């Protein structure tokens, strides 16, 4: 099963879990799978229109997806690792 690495800032929704195994599918399906067991997670990842939040970056097997790609439609295979990276700003 693919593994989704959860950003530190989002781990409150996963009861502190840093990684979650999900069924293979599109990135959006993987995020929805995490969200099914982690209330609030999906809202952190997707906007009201169902698009990825602009401050997120996705890495598949440590390779960042190009911004020109519709990241949510990229398929994640059985042995893949999806990392969700949330940009954090302070000030």
Protein backbone atom coordinates (compact mmCIF):
# COMPACT_ATOMS: atom_id res chain seq x y z
CA UNK A 1 0.00 0.00 0.00
CA UNK A 2 1.17 3.54 -0.66
CA UNK A 3 2.26 5.65 2.27
CA UNK A 4 1.28 9.30 2.74
CA UNK A 5 3.67 11.39 4.82
CA UNK A 6 1.67 13.93 6.82
CA UNK A 7 3.08 17.45 7.35
CA UNK A 8 3.92 18.18 10.98
CA UNK A 9 1.40 21.03 11.09
CA UNK A 10 -1.40 18.64 9.98
CA UNK A 11 -0.64 15.79 12.40
CA UNK A 12 -3.19 16.97 14.94
CA UNK A 13 -5.84 15.60 12.59
CA UNK A 14 -4.11 12.18 12.43
CA UNK A 15 -3.60 11.86 16.20
CA UNK A 16 0.10 12.53 15.68
CA UNK A 17 0.64 9.92 12.95
CA UNK A 18 3.47 10.96 10.63
CA UNK A 19 2.61 8.39 7.98
CA UNK A 20 -0.63 6.76 6.89
CA UNK A 21 -1.06 3.80 4.54
CA UNK A 22 -3.80 4.23 1.95
CA UNK A 23 -5.13 2.33 -1.08
CA UNK A 24 -3.45 3.16 -4.40
CA UNK A 25 -5.16 5.77 -6.56
CA UNK A 26 -4.87 9.40 -7.51
CA UNK A 27 -3.30 11.86 -5.10
CA UNK A 28 -6.77 13.25 -4.45
CA UNK A 29 -8.08 9.76 -3.63
CA UNK A 30 -5.13 9.20 -1.29
CA UNK A 31 -5.83 12.48 0.51
CA UNK A 32 -9.53 11.58 0.75
CA UNK A 33 -8.58 8.21 2.22
CA UNK A 34 -6.50 9.88 4.94
CA UNK A 35 -9.32 12.35 5.51
CA UNK A 36 -11.86 9.56 6.02
CA UNK A 37 -10.09 8.63 9.27
CA UNK A 38 -8.68 12.05 10.14
CA UNK A 39 -11.41 14.70 10.47
CA UNK A 40 -10.15 18.08 9.32
CA UNK A 41 -7.23 16.75 7.27
CA UNK A 42 -8.92 17.05 3.90
CA UNK A 43 -9.98 20.63 4.59
CA UNK A 44 -6.33 21.51 5.22
CA UNK A 45 -5.35 20.02 1.85
CA UNK A 46 -8.22 21.06 -0.44
CA UNK A 47 -10.03 24.35 -0.90
CA UNK A 48 -13.82 24.70 -1.17
CA UNK A 49 -13.62 23.94 -4.91
CA UNK A 50 -11.79 20.65 -4.33
CA UNK A 51 -8.45 21.98 -5.58
CA UNK A 52 -5.15 21.63 -3.74
CA UNK A 53 -4.43 24.49 -1.36
CA UNK A 54 -1.93 26.82 -3.03
CA UNK A 55 0.60 26.44 -0.23
CA UNK A 56 0.94 22.66 -0.65
CA UNK A 57 3.62 20.83 -2.60
CA UNK A 58 3.50 17.14 -3.42
CA UNK A 59 6.43 14.75 -3.72
CA UNK A 60 6.14 11.23 -5.10
CA UNK A 61 9.07 9.03 -4.12
CA UNK A 62 11.03 12.16 -3.17
CA UNK A 63 10.49 13.86 -6.55
CA UNK A 64 8.55 17.14 -6.46
CA UNK A 65 5.67 17.35 -8.88
CA UNK A 66 5.97 20.20 -11.32
CA UNK A 67 3.53 23.06 -10.74
CA UNK A 68 2.31 22.72 -14.33
CA UNK A 69 0.95 19.23 -13.58
CA UNK A 70 -2.54 18.66 -12.16
CA UNK A 71 -1.07 17.07 -9.05
CA UNK A 72 -4.38 15.76 -7.68
CA UNK A 73 -4.85 13.53 -10.73
CA UNK A 74 -1.39 11.90 -10.56
CA UNK A 75 -1.70 8.19 -9.86
CA UNK A 76 0.07 6.71 -6.84
CA UNK A 77 1.12 3.07 -7.13
CA UNK A 78 1.22 0.31 -4.54
CA UNK A 79 4.87 0.88 -3.62
CA UNK A 80 4.91 4.67 -3.87
CA UNK A 81 5.37 7.23 -1.14
CA UNK A 82 3.44 10.49 -1.28
CA UNK A 83 4.74 13.37 0.79
CA UNK A 84 2.54 16.38 1.41
CA UNK A 85 4.60 19.45 2.19
CA UNK A 86 2.90 22.50 3.65
CA UNK A 87 4.69 25.84 3.34
CA UNK A 88 4.85 27.47 6.75
CA UNK A 89 5.31 31.20 7.16
CA UNK A 90 5.90 33.19 10.27
CA UNK A 91 6.42 36.68 11.25
